[in-house]
PDB file of all heavy atoms in Angstrom:
ATOM      1  N   ARG A   1       0.694  -7.257  -0.900  1.00  0.00           N
ATOM      2  CA  ARG A   1       0.776  -5.795  -1.017  1.00  0.00           C
ATOM      3  C   ARG A   1      -0.002  -5.308  -2.242  1.00  0.00           C
ATOM      4  O   ARG A   1      -0.678  -4.286  -2.194  1.00  0.00           O
ATOM      5  CB  ARG A   1       2.239  -5.360  -1.115  1.00  0.00           C
ATOM      6  CG  ARG A   1       3.054  -5.582   0.159  1.00  0.00           C
ATOM      7  CD  ARG A   1       4.466  -5.054  -0.020  1.00  0.00           C
ATOM      8  NE  ARG A   1       5.307  -5.328   1.140  1.00  0.00           N
ATOM      9  CZ  ARG A   1       5.368  -4.554   2.215  1.00  0.00           C
ATOM     10  NH1 ARG A   1       4.634  -3.456   2.276  1.00  0.00           N
ATOM     11  NH2 ARG A   1       6.164  -4.862   3.223  1.00  0.00           N
ATOM     12  N   ARG A   2       0.087  -6.061  -3.350  1.00  0.00           N
ATOM     13  CA  ARG A   2      -0.612  -5.637  -4.570  1.00  0.00           C
ATOM     14  C   ARG A   2      -2.127  -5.757  -4.401  1.00  0.00           C
ATOM     15  O   ARG A   2      -2.879  -4.836  -4.752  1.00  0.00           O
ATOM     16  CB  ARG A   2      -0.163  -6.501  -5.746  1.00  0.00           C
ATOM     17  CG  ARG A   2      -0.770  -6.086  -7.082  1.00  0.00           C
ATOM     18  CD  ARG A   2      -0.417  -7.071  -8.178  1.00  0.00           C
ATOM     19  NE  ARG A   2      -1.093  -8.340  -7.999  1.00  0.00           N
ATOM     20  CZ  ARG A   2      -2.352  -8.576  -8.386  1.00  0.00           C
ATOM     21  NH1 ARG A   2      -3.065  -7.619  -8.965  1.00  0.00           N
ATOM     22  NH2 ARG A   2      -2.882  -9.755  -8.197  1.00  0.00           N
ATOM     23  N   LEU A   3      -2.590  -6.875  -3.859  1.00  0.00           N
ATOM     24  CA  LEU A   3      -4.029  -7.097  -3.738  1.00  0.00           C
ATOM     25  C   LEU A   3      -4.684  -6.115  -2.778  1.00  0.00           C
ATOM     26  O   LEU A   3      -5.826  -5.698  -2.982  1.00  0.00           O
ATOM     27  CB  LEU A   3      -4.295  -8.535  -3.285  1.00  0.00           C
ATOM     28  CG  LEU A   3      -3.930  -9.640  -4.282  1.00  0.00           C
ATOM     29  CD1 LEU A   3      -4.121 -11.006  -3.648  1.00  0.00           C
ATOM     30  CD2 LEU A   3      -4.761  -9.515  -5.550  1.00  0.00           C
ATOM     31  N   LEU A   4      -3.966  -5.756  -1.712  1.00  0.00           N
ATOM     32  CA  LEU A   4      -4.551  -4.895  -0.690  1.00  0.00           C
ATOM     33  C   LEU A   4      -4.101  -3.443  -0.805  1.00  0.00           C
ATOM     34  O   LEU A   4      -4.557  -2.597  -0.035  1.00  0.00           O
ATOM     35  CB  LEU A   4      -4.184  -5.428   0.706  1.00  0.00           C
ATOM     36  CG  LEU A   4      -4.685  -6.839   1.031  1.00  0.00           C
ATOM     37  CD1 LEU A   4      -4.194  -7.270   2.404  1.00  0.00           C
ATOM     38  CD2 LEU A   4      -6.207  -6.908   0.968  1.00  0.00           C
ATOM     39  N   GLY A   5      -3.196  -3.155  -1.739  1.00  0.00           N
ATOM     40  CA  GLY A   5      -2.708  -1.792  -1.869  1.00  0.00           C
ATOM     41  C   GLY A   5      -1.907  -1.336  -0.666  1.00  0.00           C
ATOM     42  O   GLY A   5      -2.025  -0.198  -0.217  1.00  0.00           O
ATOM     43  N   LEU A   6      -1.053  -2.237  -0.135  1.00  0.00           N
ATOM     44  CA  LEU A   6      -0.291  -1.947   1.083  1.00  0.00           C
ATOM     45  C   LEU A   6       1.180  -1.735   0.750  1.00  0.00           C
ATOM     46  O   LEU A   6       2.059  -2.363   1.344  1.00  0.00           O
ATOM     47  CB  LEU A   6      -0.448  -3.093   2.092  1.00  0.00           C
ATOM     48  CG  LEU A   6      -1.866  -3.369   2.577  1.00  0.00           C
ATOM     49  CD1 LEU A   6      -1.876  -4.556   3.528  1.00  0.00           C
ATOM     50  CD2 LEU A   6      -2.444  -2.136   3.264  1.00  0.00           C
ATOM     51  N   SER A   7       1.468  -0.873  -0.196  1.00  0.00           N
ATOM     52  CA  SER A   7       2.862  -0.647  -0.577  1.00  0.00           C
ATOM     53  C   SER A   7       3.677  -0.020   0.549  1.00  0.00           C
ATOM     54  O   SER A   7       4.893  -0.188   0.623  1.00  0.00           O
ATOM     55  CB  SER A   7       2.929   0.246  -1.821  1.00  0.00           C
ATOM     56  OG  SER A   7       2.266   1.483  -1.574  1.00  0.00           O
ATOM     57  N   ASP A   8       3.006   0.703   1.460  1.00  0.00           N
ATOM     58  CA  ASP A   8       3.722   1.386   2.546  1.00  0.00           C
ATOM     59  C   ASP A   8       3.665   0.628   3.866  1.00  0.00           C
ATOM     60  O   ASP A   8       4.173   1.122   4.873  1.00  0.00           O
ATOM     61  CB  ASP A   8       3.139   2.784   2.753  1.00  0.00           C
ATOM     62  CG  ASP A   8       3.331   3.676   1.535  1.00  0.00           C
ATOM     63  OD1 ASP A   8       4.318   3.456   0.811  1.00  0.00           O
ATOM     64  OD2 ASP A   8       2.499   4.579   1.307  1.00  0.00           O
ATOM     65  N   GLN A   9       3.028  -0.543   3.887  1.00  0.00           N
ATOM     66  CA  GLN A   9       2.923  -1.299   5.138  1.00  0.00           C
ATOM     67  C   GLN A   9       4.300  -1.794   5.560  1.00  0.00           C
ATOM     68  O   GLN A   9       5.028  -2.414   4.782  1.00  0.00           O
ATOM     69  CB  GLN A   9       1.970  -2.487   4.963  1.00  0.00           C
ATOM     70  CG  GLN A   9       1.885  -3.404   6.179  1.00  0.00           C
ATOM     71  CD  GLN A   9       1.276  -2.723   7.379  1.00  0.00           C
ATOM     72  OE1 GLN A   9       0.307  -2.005   7.270  1.00  0.00           O
ATOM     73  NE2 GLN A   9       1.852  -2.958   8.546  1.00  0.00           N
ATOM     74  N   LYS A  10       4.663  -1.547   6.814  1.00  0.00           N
ATOM     75  CA  LYS A  10       5.962  -1.959   7.346  1.00  0.00           C
ATOM     76  C   LYS A  10       5.798  -3.164   8.246  1.00  0.00           C
ATOM     77  O   LYS A  10       4.810  -3.302   8.965  1.00  0.00           O
ATOM     78  CB  LYS A  10       6.607  -0.810   8.125  1.00  0.00           C
ATOM     79  CG  LYS A  10       6.920   0.418   7.278  1.00  0.00           C
ATOM     80  CD  LYS A  10       7.564   1.507   8.122  1.00  0.00           C
ATOM     81  CE  LYS A  10       7.879   2.732   7.277  1.00  0.00           C
ATOM     82  NZ  LYS A  10       8.496   3.816   8.099  1.00  0.00           N
ATOM     83  N   VAL A  11       6.789  -4.040   8.198  1.00  0.00           N
ATOM     84  CA  VAL A  11       6.808  -5.196   9.091  1.00  0.00           C
ATOM     85  C   VAL A  11       7.023  -4.708  10.523  1.00  0.00           C
ATOM     86  O   VAL A  11       7.865  -3.848  10.786  1.00  0.00           O
ATOM     87  CB  VAL A  11       7.924  -6.182   8.680  1.00  0.00           C
ATOM     88  CG1 VAL A  11       8.039  -7.312   9.688  1.00  0.00           C
ATOM     89  CG2 VAL A  11       7.646  -6.734   7.291  1.00  0.00           C
ATOM     90  N   GLY A  12       6.247  -5.262  11.441  1.00  0.00           N
ATOM     91  CA  GLY A  12       6.325  -4.849  12.839  1.00  0.00           C
ATOM     92  C   GLY A  12       5.239  -3.873  13.243  1.00  0.00           C
ATOM     93  O   GLY A  12       5.125  -3.547  14.422  1.00  0.00           O
ATOM     94  N   GLU A  13       4.438  -3.402  12.264  1.00  0.00           N
ATOM     95  CA  GLU A  13       3.347  -2.485  12.568  1.00  0.00           C
ATOM     96  C   GLU A  13       2.009  -3.169  12.330  1.00  0.00           C
ATOM     97  O   GLU A  13       1.897  -4.051  11.472  1.00  0.00           O
ATOM     98  CB  GLU A  13       3.431  -1.222  11.695  1.00  0.00           C
ATOM     99  CG  GLU A  13       4.645  -0.362  11.975  1.00  0.00           C
ATOM    100  CD  GLU A  13       4.631   0.907  11.132  1.00  0.00           C
ATOM    101  OE1 GLU A  13       3.759   1.007  10.240  1.00  0.00           O
ATOM    102  OE2 GLU A  13       5.491   1.781  11.373  1.00  0.00           O
ATOM    103  N   PRO A  14       0.962  -2.795  13.054  1.00  0.00           N
ATOM    104  CA  PRO A  14      -0.360  -3.403  12.836  1.00  0.00           C
ATOM    105  C   PRO A  14      -0.985  -2.898  11.542  1.00  0.00           C
ATOM    106  O   PRO A  14      -0.646  -1.827  11.034  1.00  0.00           O
ATOM    107  CB  PRO A  14      -1.164  -2.955  14.069  1.00  0.00           C
ATOM    108  CG  PRO A  14      -0.493  -1.692  14.511  1.00  0.00           C
ATOM    109  CD  PRO A  14       0.967  -1.849  14.198  1.00  0.00           C
ATOM    110  N   LEU A  15      -1.940  -3.689  11.027  1.00  0.00           N
ATOM    111  CA  LEU A  15      -2.618  -3.303   9.789  1.00  0.00           C
ATOM    112  C   LEU A  15      -3.516  -2.087   9.969  1.00  0.00           C
ATOM    113  O   LEU A  15      -3.884  -1.429   8.993  1.00  0.00           O
ATOM    114  CB  LEU A  15      -3.464  -4.473   9.265  1.00  0.00           C
ATOM    115  CG  LEU A  15      -2.758  -5.519   8.405  1.00  0.00           C
ATOM    116  CD1 LEU A  15      -3.742  -6.574   7.954  1.00  0.00           C
ATOM    117  CD2 LEU A  15      -2.100  -4.867   7.201  1.00  0.00           C
ATOM    118  N   THR A  16      -3.895  -1.802  11.210  1.00  0.00           N
ATOM    119  CA  THR A  16      -4.792  -0.671  11.458  1.00  0.00           C
ATOM    120  C   THR A  16      -4.182   0.651  11.028  1.00  0.00           C
ATOM    121  O   THR A  16      -4.904   1.632  10.850  1.00  0.00           O
ATOM    122  CB  THR A  16      -5.150  -0.607  12.956  1.00  0.00           C
ATOM    123  OG1 THR A  16      -3.943  -0.620  13.735  1.00  0.00           O
ATOM    124  CG2 THR A  16      -6.006  -1.807  13.355  1.00  0.00           C
ATOM    125  N   ARG A  17      -2.856   0.707  10.845  1.00  0.00           N
ATOM    126  CA  ARG A  17      -2.211   1.936  10.389  1.00  0.00           C
ATOM    127  C   ARG A  17      -2.305   2.118   8.879  1.00  0.00           C
ATOM    128  O   ARG A  17      -2.048   3.210   8.378  1.00  0.00           O
ATOM    129  CB  ARG A  17      -0.747   1.947  10.817  1.00  0.00           C
ATOM    130  CG  ARG A  17      -0.550   1.963  12.323  1.00  0.00           C
ATOM    131  CD  ARG A  17       0.899   2.192  12.674  1.00  0.00           C
ATOM    132  NE  ARG A  17       1.109   2.244  14.114  1.00  0.00           N
ATOM    133  CZ  ARG A  17       2.289   2.472  14.696  1.00  0.00           C
ATOM    134  NH1 ARG A  17       3.351   2.694  13.947  1.00  0.00           N
ATOM    135  NH2 ARG A  17       2.404   2.494  16.008  1.00  0.00           N
ATOM    136  N   SER A  18      -2.658   1.031   8.163  1.00  0.00           N
ATOM    137  CA  SER A  18      -2.704   1.115   6.694  1.00  0.00           C
ATOM    138  C   SER A  18      -4.091   0.901   6.128  1.00  0.00           C
ATOM    139  O   SER A  18      -4.359   1.347   5.011  1.00  0.00           O
ATOM    140  CB  SER A  18      -1.741   0.071   6.092  1.00  0.00           C
ATOM    141  OG  SER A  18      -0.427   0.254   6.554  1.00  0.00           O
ATOM    142  N   LEU A  19      -4.978   0.216   6.858  1.00  0.00           N
ATOM    143  CA  LEU A  19      -6.317  -0.077   6.349  1.00  0.00           C
ATOM    144  C   LEU A  19      -7.364   0.626   7.205  1.00  0.00           C
ATOM    145  O   LEU A  19      -7.246   0.647   8.433  1.00  0.00           O
ATOM    146  CB  LEU A  19      -6.576  -1.584   6.358  1.00  0.00           C
ATOM    147  CG  LEU A  19      -5.787  -2.432   5.353  1.00  0.00           C
ATOM    148  CD1 LEU A  19      -6.131  -3.898   5.515  1.00  0.00           C
ATOM    149  CD2 LEU A  19      -6.067  -1.979   3.921  1.00  0.00           C
ATOM    150  N   PRO A  20      -8.398   1.164   6.585  1.00  0.00           N
ATOM    151  CA  PRO A  20      -9.473   1.793   7.367  1.00  0.00           C
ATOM    152  C   PRO A  20     -10.351   0.726   8.004  1.00  0.00           C
ATOM    153  O   PRO A  20     -10.367  -0.436   7.578  1.00  0.00           O
ATOM    154  CB  PRO A  20     -10.241   2.590   6.301  1.00  0.00           C
ATOM    155  CG  PRO A  20     -10.012   1.823   5.034  1.00  0.00           C
ATOM    156  CD  PRO A  20      -8.619   1.265   5.134  1.00  0.00           C
ATOM    157  N   PRO A  21     -11.118   1.100   9.031  1.00  0.00           N
ATOM    158  CA  PRO A  21     -12.043   0.127   9.643  1.00  0.00           C
ATOM    159  C   PRO A  21     -13.050  -0.359   8.608  1.00  0.00           C
ATOM    160  O   PRO A  21     -13.484   0.376   7.726  1.00  0.00           O
ATOM    161  CB  PRO A  21     -12.705   0.939  10.760  1.00  0.00           C
ATOM    162  CG  PRO A  21     -11.770   2.060  11.047  1.00  0.00           C
ATOM    163  CD  PRO A  21     -11.120   2.389   9.735  1.00  0.00           C
ATOM    164  N   GLY A  22     -13.426  -1.616   8.706  1.00  0.00           N
ATOM    165  CA  GLY A  22     -14.378  -2.199   7.759  1.00  0.00           C
ATOM    166  C   GLY A  22     -14.269  -3.702   7.766  1.00  0.00           C
ATOM    167  O   GLY A  22     -13.522  -4.311   8.544  1.00  0.00           O
ATOM    168  N   ARG A  23     -15.017  -4.326   6.882  1.00  0.00           N
ATOM    169  CA  ARG A  23     -15.051  -5.784   6.861  1.00  0.00           C
ATOM    170  C   ARG A  23     -13.705  -6.376   6.452  1.00  0.00           C
ATOM    171  O   ARG A  23     -13.299  -7.416   6.980  1.00  0.00           O
ATOM    172  CB  ARG A  23     -16.134  -6.271   5.897  1.00  0.00           C
ATOM    173  CG  ARG A  23     -16.305  -7.790   5.927  1.00  0.00           C
ATOM    174  CD  ARG A  23     -17.549  -8.245   5.210  1.00  0.00           C
ATOM    175  NE  ARG A  23     -17.694  -9.671   5.347  1.00  0.00           N
ATOM    176  CZ  ARG A  23     -17.158 -10.572   4.517  1.00  0.00           C
ATOM    177  NH1 ARG A  23     -16.443 -10.147   3.488  1.00  0.00           N
ATOM    178  NH2 ARG A  23     -17.335 -11.870   4.698  1.00  0.00           N
ATOM    179  N   LEU A  24     -13.010  -5.716   5.519  1.00  0.00           N
ATOM    180  CA  LEU A  24     -11.701  -6.227   5.107  1.00  0.00           C
ATOM    181  C   LEU A  24     -10.754  -6.312   6.291  1.00  0.00           C
ATOM    182  O   LEU A  24     -10.095  -7.338   6.501  1.00  0.00           O
ATOM    183  CB  LEU A  24     -11.119  -5.324   4.013  1.00  0.00           C
ATOM    184  CG  LEU A  24      -9.689  -5.662   3.553  1.00  0.00           C
ATOM    185  CD1 LEU A  24      -9.633  -7.069   2.986  1.00  0.00           C
ATOM    186  CD2 LEU A  24      -9.203  -4.653   2.522  1.00  0.00           C
ATOM    187  N   LEU A  25     -10.682  -5.268   7.088  1.00  0.00           N
ATOM    188  CA  LEU A  25      -9.807  -5.274   8.257  1.00  0.00           C
ATOM    189  C   LEU A  25     -10.277  -6.300   9.280  1.00  0.00           C
ATOM    190  O   LEU A  25      -9.452  -6.986   9.902  1.00  0.00           O
ATOM    191  CB  LEU A  25      -9.767  -3.876   8.886  1.00  0.00           C
ATOM    192  CG  LEU A  25      -8.822  -3.690  10.077  1.00  0.00           C
ATOM    193  CD1 LEU A  25      -7.383  -3.958   9.668  1.00  0.00           C
ATOM    194  CD2 LEU A  25      -8.950  -2.293  10.656  1.00  0.00           C
ATOM    195  N   ASP A  26     -11.588  -6.445   9.445  1.00  0.00           N
ATOM    196  CA  ASP A  26     -12.112  -7.428  10.399  1.00  0.00           C
ATOM    197  C   ASP A  26     -11.727  -8.844   9.997  1.00  0.00           C
ATOM    198  O   ASP A  26     -11.343  -9.664  10.841  1.00  0.00           O
ATOM    199  CB  ASP A  26     -13.632  -7.310  10.501  1.00  0.00           C
ATOM    200  CG  ASP A  26     -14.070  -6.009  11.158  1.00  0.00           C
ATOM    201  OD1 ASP A  26     -13.232  -5.411  11.852  1.00  0.00           O
ATOM    202  OD2 ASP A  26     -15.225  -5.599  10.958  1.00  0.00           O
ATOM    203  N   VAL A  27     -11.831  -9.150   8.704  1.00  0.00           N
ATOM    204  CA  VAL A  27     -11.492 -10.497   8.238  1.00  0.00           C
ATOM    205  C   VAL A  27     -10.002 -10.764   8.395  1.00  0.00           C
ATOM    206  O   VAL A  27      -9.580 -11.844   8.835  1.00  0.00           O
ATOM    207  CB  VAL A  27     -11.935 -10.676   6.775  1.00  0.00           C
ATOM    208  CG1 VAL A  27     -11.416 -12.002   6.217  1.00  0.00           C
ATOM    209  CG2 VAL A  27     -13.454 -10.624   6.665  1.00  0.00           C
ATOM    210  N   LEU A  28      -9.170  -9.787   8.056  1.00  0.00           N
ATOM    211  CA  LEU A  28      -7.717  -9.988   8.123  1.00  0.00           C
ATOM    212  C   LEU A  28      -7.224 -10.133   9.553  1.00  0.00           C
ATOM    213  O   LEU A  28      -6.292 -10.894   9.829  1.00  0.00           O
ATOM    214  CB  LEU A  28      -7.000  -8.821   7.445  1.00  0.00           C
ATOM    215  CG  LEU A  28      -7.189  -8.692   5.930  1.00  0.00           C
ATOM    216  CD1 LEU A  28      -6.483  -7.454   5.416  1.00  0.00           C
ATOM    217  CD2 LEU A  28      -6.672  -9.922   5.203  1.00  0.00           C
ATOM    218  N   THR A  29      -7.826  -9.396  10.485  1.00  0.00           N
ATOM    219  CA  THR A  29      -7.354  -9.418  11.873  1.00  0.00           C
ATOM    220  C   THR A  29      -8.099 -10.419  12.750  1.00  0.00           C
ATOM    221  O   THR A  29      -7.818 -10.508  13.939  1.00  0.00           O
ATOM    222  CB  THR A  29      -7.479  -8.022  12.495  1.00  0.00           C
ATOM    223  OG1 THR A  29      -8.846  -7.584  12.404  1.00  0.00           O
ATOM    224  CG2 THR A  29      -6.581  -7.035  11.766  1.00  0.00           C
ATOM    225  N   GLY A  30      -9.045 -11.162  12.188  1.00  0.00           N
ATOM    226  CA  GLY A  30      -9.748 -12.175  12.964  1.00  0.00           C
ATOM    227  C   GLY A  30     -11.021 -11.695  13.605  1.00  0.00           C
ATOM    228  O   GLY A  30     -11.661 -12.448  14.348  1.00  0.00           O
ATOM    229  N   GLY A  31     -11.435 -10.450  13.339  1.00  0.00           N
ATOM    230  CA  GLY A  31     -12.694  -9.976  13.893  1.00  0.00           C
ATOM    231  C   GLY A  31     -13.891 -10.679  13.298  1.00  0.00           C
ATOM    232  O   GLY A  31     -14.939 -10.808  13.931  1.00  0.00           O
ATOM    233  N   SER A  32     -13.759 -11.129  12.054  1.00  0.00           N
ATOM    234  CA  SER A  32     -14.799 -11.921  11.380  1.00  0.00           C
ATOM    235  C   SER A  32     -14.184 -13.263  11.034  1.00  0.00           C
ATOM    236  O   SER A  32     -13.182 -13.328  10.309  1.00  0.00           O
ATOM    237  CB  SER A  32     -15.286 -11.202  10.120  1.00  0.00           C
ATOM    238  OG  SER A  32     -16.231 -11.978   9.434  1.00  0.00           O
TER     239      SER A  32
END
């Protein structure tokens, strides 16, 4: 949460609700 700034991320929800599209999201979700 600290490294990614995801203080509001809830368990059970996808990361797409907290992170904008980009390389970071692609790497975390397996797109890259």
